[in-house]
Amino acid sequence: MNDKTALEVVMFRLKPGVSEADFLDANRAVQADLHNSSGYIRRELSRNDDGQWFDLVYWQSLVEAQQALEAFSTWPSTQRMAPMIDDSSITMLHVHPIATYN
């Protein structure tokens, strides 16, 4: 990663009644679209015990992250996944990683 790398952080909750298995299945199609997006590096999808999800997507640049965000709503894969998410719970940020530790 370099100083231009962007990290997209999305926090959200699933709607009541949506199973984790169904959500993860829908995410496989979204992942394929993300993987084919310009500037995509990698993605991490996590959940805490309280049902809060964390979607972390690393991009080569903020511009490429923003371009993918614009395209995101037009993908058929998004049309399947989006109704599973509680819109009122979404928080999204774009940040620049400063340091990485292993």
N, C-alpha and C. Protein backbone atom coordinates (compact mmCIF):
# COMPACT_ATOMS: atom_id res chain seq x y z
N MET A 1 0.85 -1.18 0.00
CA MET A 1 0.00 0.00 0.00
C MET A 1 0.88 1.23 0.00
N ASN A 2 0.33 2.30 -0.55
CA ASN A 2 1.07 3.55 -0.56
C ASN A 2 0.22 4.65 0.04
N ASP A 3 0.75 5.88 0.00
CA ASP A 3 0.03 6.98 0.65
C ASP A 3 -1.24 7.39 -0.11
N LYS A 4 -1.47 6.84 -1.29
CA LYS A 4 -2.68 7.15 -2.04
C LYS A 4 -3.76 6.08 -1.85
N THR A 5 -3.41 4.99 -1.21
CA THR A 5 -4.35 3.90 -0.99
C THR A 5 -5.54 4.41 -0.17
N ALA A 6 -6.74 3.93 -0.53
CA ALA A 6 -7.95 4.31 0.21
C ALA A 6 -8.58 3.06 0.81
N LEU A 7 -9.11 3.22 1.99
CA LEU A 7 -9.83 2.16 2.68
C LEU A 7 -11.28 2.60 2.82
N GLU A 8 -12.17 1.81 2.28
CA GLU A 8 -13.60 2.07 2.41
C GLU A 8 -14.10 1.26 3.59
N VAL A 9 -14.73 1.93 4.54
CA VAL A 9 -15.25 1.29 5.75
C VAL A 9 -16.76 1.48 5.76
N VAL A 10 -17.49 0.36 5.74
CA VAL A 10 -18.94 0.41 5.79
C VAL A 10 -19.40 -0.43 6.97
N MET A 11 -20.18 0.20 7.85
CA MET A 11 -20.75 -0.47 9.01
C MET A 11 -22.26 -0.52 8.83
N PHE A 12 -22.87 -1.65 9.15
CA PHE A 12 -24.30 -1.80 8.94
C PHE A 12 -24.83 -2.99 9.72
N ARG A 13 -26.15 -3.09 9.73
CA ARG A 13 -26.85 -4.24 10.31
C ARG A 13 -27.78 -4.82 9.26
N LEU A 14 -28.04 -6.11 9.36
CA LEU A 14 -29.00 -6.75 8.47
C LEU A 14 -30.41 -6.48 8.98
N LYS A 15 -31.37 -6.51 8.06
CA LYS A 15 -32.76 -6.38 8.45
C LYS A 15 -33.18 -7.61 9.25
N PRO A 16 -34.13 -7.46 10.15
CA PRO A 16 -34.64 -8.61 10.90
C PRO A 16 -35.12 -9.70 9.94
N GLY A 17 -34.78 -10.94 10.27
CA GLY A 17 -35.22 -12.07 9.47
C GLY A 17 -34.27 -12.47 8.35
N VAL A 18 -33.27 -11.65 8.05
CA VAL A 18 -32.30 -12.00 7.01
C VAL A 18 -31.26 -12.93 7.63
N SER A 19 -31.07 -14.07 7.02
CA SER A 19 -30.09 -15.02 7.56
C SER A 19 -28.68 -14.64 7.09
N GLU A 20 -27.73 -14.95 7.94
CA GLU A 20 -26.33 -14.71 7.59
C GLU A 20 -25.94 -15.49 6.34
N ALA A 21 -26.43 -16.71 6.22
CA ALA A 21 -26.12 -17.55 5.06
C ALA A 21 -26.63 -16.91 3.77
N ASP A 22 -27.86 -16.39 3.78
CA ASP A 22 -28.40 -15.73 2.59
C ASP A 22 -27.61 -14.48 2.25
N PHE A 23 -27.25 -13.72 3.28
CA PHE A 23 -26.48 -12.49 3.06
C PHE A 23 -25.10 -12.82 2.47
N LEU A 24 -24.43 -13.81 3.01
CA LEU A 24 -23.12 -14.19 2.49
C LEU A 24 -23.20 -14.73 1.07
N ASP A 25 -24.28 -15.43 0.77
CA ASP A 25 -24.48 -15.92 -0.59
C ASP A 25 -24.63 -14.75 -1.56
N ALA A 26 -25.42 -13.76 -1.18
CA ALA A 26 -25.58 -12.56 -2.02
C ALA A 26 -24.27 -11.80 -2.16
N ASN A 27 -23.45 -11.83 -1.13
CA ASN A 27 -22.16 -11.13 -1.17
C ASN A 27 -21.17 -11.75 -2.13
N ARG A 28 -21.30 -13.02 -2.41
CA ARG A 28 -20.38 -13.66 -3.37
C ARG A 28 -20.49 -12.99 -4.75
N ALA A 29 -21.70 -12.66 -5.16
CA ALA A 29 -21.88 -11.99 -6.44
C ALA A 29 -21.35 -10.56 -6.39
N VAL A 30 -21.57 -9.87 -5.28
CA VAL A 30 -21.03 -8.51 -5.12
C VAL A 30 -19.51 -8.56 -5.15
N GLN A 31 -18.94 -9.56 -4.51
CA GLN A 31 -17.48 -9.70 -4.49
C GLN A 31 -16.92 -9.84 -5.90
N ALA A 32 -17.59 -10.59 -6.74
CA ALA A 32 -17.13 -10.75 -8.13
C ALA A 32 -17.11 -9.40 -8.84
N ASP A 33 -18.14 -8.59 -8.63
CA ASP A 33 -18.17 -7.26 -9.25
C ASP A 33 -17.09 -6.35 -8.68
N LEU A 34 -16.90 -6.40 -7.37
CA LEU A 34 -15.84 -5.59 -6.75
C LEU A 34 -14.48 -6.00 -7.29
N HIS A 35 -14.25 -7.29 -7.36
CA HIS A 35 -12.96 -7.81 -7.81
C HIS A 35 -12.62 -7.32 -9.22
N ASN A 36 -13.64 -7.13 -10.04
CA ASN A 36 -13.44 -6.67 -11.41
C ASN A 36 -13.40 -5.15 -11.54
N SER A 37 -13.51 -4.44 -10.43
CA SER A 37 -13.49 -2.98 -10.45
C SER A 37 -12.05 -2.46 -10.49
N SER A 38 -11.86 -1.41 -11.22
CA SER A 38 -10.54 -0.79 -11.32
C SER A 38 -10.07 -0.32 -9.94
N GLY A 39 -8.86 -0.68 -9.59
CA GLY A 39 -8.27 -0.22 -8.34
C GLY A 39 -8.54 -1.10 -7.13
N TYR A 40 -9.33 -2.15 -7.30
CA TYR A 40 -9.64 -3.03 -6.18
C TYR A 40 -8.39 -3.76 -5.72
N ILE A 41 -8.17 -3.80 -4.39
CA ILE A 41 -7.04 -4.53 -3.81
C ILE A 41 -7.53 -5.77 -3.06
N ARG A 42 -8.37 -5.55 -2.04
CA ARG A 42 -8.91 -6.68 -1.28
C ARG A 42 -10.08 -6.21 -0.43
N ARG A 43 -10.78 -7.20 0.13
CA ARG A 43 -11.96 -6.90 0.93
C ARG A 43 -12.00 -7.83 2.14
N GLU A 44 -12.47 -7.29 3.26
CA GLU A 44 -12.67 -8.07 4.47
C GLU A 44 -14.09 -7.79 4.98
N LEU A 45 -14.84 -8.84 5.20
CA LEU A 45 -16.20 -8.72 5.72
C LEU A 45 -16.22 -9.38 7.09
N SER A 46 -16.62 -8.61 8.10
CA SER A 46 -16.61 -9.11 9.49
C SER A 46 -17.93 -8.77 10.17
N ARG A 47 -18.18 -9.45 11.29
CA ARG A 47 -19.38 -9.19 12.09
C ARG A 47 -19.04 -9.37 13.55
N ASN A 48 -19.57 -8.50 14.39
CA ASN A 48 -19.37 -8.71 15.82
C ASN A 48 -20.55 -9.50 16.39
N ASP A 49 -20.47 -9.84 17.66
CA ASP A 49 -21.50 -10.67 18.29
C ASP A 49 -22.84 -9.98 18.43
N ASP A 50 -22.86 -8.65 18.29
CA ASP A 50 -24.11 -7.89 18.40
C ASP A 50 -24.79 -7.70 17.05
N GLY A 51 -24.25 -8.28 15.98
CA GLY A 51 -24.88 -8.19 14.67
C GLY A 51 -24.46 -7.00 13.84
N GLN A 52 -23.46 -6.26 14.28
CA GLN A 52 -22.92 -5.14 13.50
C GLN A 52 -21.91 -5.69 12.50
N TRP A 53 -22.09 -5.37 11.22
CA TRP A 53 -21.19 -5.82 10.16
C TRP A 53 -20.20 -4.73 9.81
N PHE A 54 -19.03 -5.15 9.36
CA PHE A 54 -17.95 -4.25 8.96
C PHE A 54 -17.43 -4.73 7.61
N ASP A 55 -17.58 -3.91 6.60
CA ASP A 55 -17.12 -4.24 5.25
C ASP A 55 -15.97 -3.31 4.95
N LEU A 56 -14.77 -3.86 4.85
CA LEU A 56 -13.56 -3.08 4.60
C LEU A 56 -13.05 -3.42 3.20
N VAL A 57 -12.96 -2.40 2.35
CA VAL A 57 -12.50 -2.60 0.98
C VAL A 57 -11.31 -1.69 0.75
N TYR A 58 -10.20 -2.29 0.34
CA TYR A 58 -8.98 -1.55 0.06
C TYR A 58 -8.93 -1.22 -1.43
N TRP A 59 -8.64 0.03 -1.74
CA TRP A 59 -8.57 0.52 -3.12
C TRP A 59 -7.21 1.17 -3.37
N GLN A 60 -6.78 1.14 -4.60
CA GLN A 60 -5.51 1.77 -4.95
C GLN A 60 -5.57 3.28 -4.82
N SER A 61 -6.77 3.86 -4.95
CA SER A 61 -6.90 5.31 -4.80
C SER A 61 -8.33 5.66 -4.39
N LEU A 62 -8.49 6.85 -3.84
CA LEU A 62 -9.81 7.34 -3.46
C LEU A 62 -10.68 7.54 -4.70
N VAL A 63 -10.09 7.98 -5.78
CA VAL A 63 -10.84 8.17 -7.03
C VAL A 63 -11.46 6.86 -7.48
N GLU A 64 -10.68 5.78 -7.46
CA GLU A 64 -11.20 4.48 -7.87
C GLU A 64 -12.27 3.97 -6.90
N ALA A 65 -12.11 4.24 -5.63
CA ALA A 65 -13.13 3.87 -4.64
C ALA A 65 -14.43 4.60 -4.93
N GLN A 66 -14.34 5.87 -5.24
CA GLN A 66 -15.53 6.66 -5.53
C GLN A 66 -16.19 6.23 -6.84
N GLN A 67 -15.39 5.87 -7.83
CA GLN A 67 -15.95 5.38 -9.09
C GLN A 67 -16.70 4.07 -8.88
N ALA A 68 -16.14 3.20 -8.09
CA ALA A 68 -16.81 1.93 -7.79
C ALA A 68 -18.10 2.16 -7.01
N LEU A 69 -18.08 3.12 -6.10
CA LEU A 69 -19.27 3.44 -5.33
C LEU A 69 -20.39 3.93 -6.25
N GLU A 70 -20.05 4.73 -7.23
CA GLU A 70 -21.05 5.21 -8.19
C GLU A 70 -21.64 4.05 -8.99
N ALA A 71 -20.81 3.11 -9.37
CA ALA A 71 -21.27 1.96 -10.16
C ALA A 71 -22.02 0.94 -9.31
N PHE A 72 -21.71 0.89 -8.03
CA PHE A 72 -22.24 -0.12 -7.10
C PHE A 72 -23.76 -0.26 -7.18
N SER A 73 -24.46 0.85 -7.20
CA SER A 73 -25.93 0.78 -7.17
C SER A 73 -26.52 0.25 -8.48
N THR A 74 -25.73 0.20 -9.54
CA THR A 74 -26.23 -0.27 -10.83
C THR A 74 -25.99 -1.76 -11.05
N TRP A 75 -25.19 -2.38 -10.22
CA TRP A 75 -24.88 -3.80 -10.40
C TRP A 75 -26.08 -4.67 -10.04
N PRO A 76 -26.38 -5.68 -10.86
CA PRO A 76 -27.44 -6.62 -10.49
C PRO A 76 -27.17 -7.30 -9.14
N SER A 77 -25.91 -7.54 -8.84
CA SER A 77 -25.57 -8.18 -7.56
C SER A 77 -25.99 -7.31 -6.37
N THR A 78 -25.87 -6.01 -6.52
CA THR A 78 -26.27 -5.09 -5.46
C THR A 78 -27.78 -5.12 -5.27
N GLN A 79 -28.52 -5.27 -6.36
CA GLN A 79 -29.98 -5.30 -6.27
C GLN A 79 -30.46 -6.47 -5.42
N ARG A 80 -29.70 -7.53 -5.39
CA ARG A 80 -30.06 -8.69 -4.55
C ARG A 80 -29.65 -8.47 -3.09
N MET A 81 -28.47 -7.89 -2.89
CA MET A 81 -27.94 -7.75 -1.54
C MET A 81 -28.54 -6.57 -0.78
N ALA A 82 -28.71 -5.44 -1.43
CA ALA A 82 -29.12 -4.20 -0.76
C ALA A 82 -30.39 -4.33 0.07
N PRO A 83 -31.43 -5.02 -0.40
CA PRO A 83 -32.64 -5.14 0.42
C PRO A 83 -32.44 -5.89 1.73
N MET A 84 -31.33 -6.55 1.90
CA MET A 84 -31.06 -7.29 3.13
C MET A 84 -30.50 -6.41 4.24
N ILE A 85 -30.06 -5.20 3.87
CA ILE A 85 -29.39 -4.30 4.82
C ILE A 85 -30.36 -3.26 5.34
N ASP A 86 -30.29 -3.00 6.64
CA ASP A 86 -31.08 -1.95 7.28
C ASP A 86 -30.45 -0.61 6.91
N ASP A 87 -31.11 0.12 6.01
CA ASP A 87 -30.56 1.39 5.51
C ASP A 87 -30.25 2.39 6.63
N SER A 88 -31.06 2.39 7.68
CA SER A 88 -30.86 3.36 8.76
C SER A 88 -29.62 3.07 9.58
N SER A 89 -29.03 1.88 9.39
CA SER A 89 -27.86 1.50 10.20
C SER A 89 -26.53 1.74 9.48
N ILE A 90 -26.57 2.20 8.24
CA ILE A 90 -25.35 2.29 7.43
C ILE A 90 -24.52 3.52 7.78
N THR A 91 -23.25 3.28 8.01
CA THR A 91 -22.25 4.35 8.14
C THR A 91 -21.13 4.00 7.18
N MET A 92 -20.73 4.99 6.37
CA MET A 92 -19.68 4.74 5.38
C MET A 92 -18.63 5.83 5.45
N LEU A 93 -17.37 5.39 5.38
CA LEU A 93 -16.23 6.31 5.42
C LEU A 93 -15.20 5.90 4.39
N HIS A 94 -14.47 6.87 3.89
CA HIS A 94 -13.27 6.58 3.11
C HIS A 94 -12.11 7.21 3.88
N VAL A 95 -11.11 6.40 4.17
CA VAL A 95 -9.95 6.87 4.92
C VAL A 95 -8.68 6.41 4.21
N HIS A 96 -7.57 6.98 4.60
CA HIS A 96 -6.27 6.59 4.05
C HIS A 96 -5.49 5.85 5.13
N PRO A 97 -5.14 4.59 4.90
CA PRO A 97 -4.31 3.87 5.88
C PRO A 97 -2.99 4.60 6.11
N ILE A 98 -2.61 4.69 7.34
CA ILE A 98 -1.38 5.39 7.72
C ILE A 98 -0.25 4.41 7.99
N ALA A 99 -0.55 3.33 8.69
CA ALA A 99 0.47 2.34 9.04
C ALA A 99 -0.17 0.96 9.06
N THR A 100 0.59 -0.05 8.69
CA THR A 100 0.13 -1.43 8.74
C THR A 100 1.10 -2.22 9.60
N TYR A 101 0.54 -2.98 10.54
CA TYR A 101 1.37 -3.77 11.45
C TYR A 101 0.96 -5.24 11.32
N ASN A 102 1.91 -6.12 11.32
CA ASN A 102 1.65 -7.57 11.31
C ASN A 102 2.11 -8.18 12.60
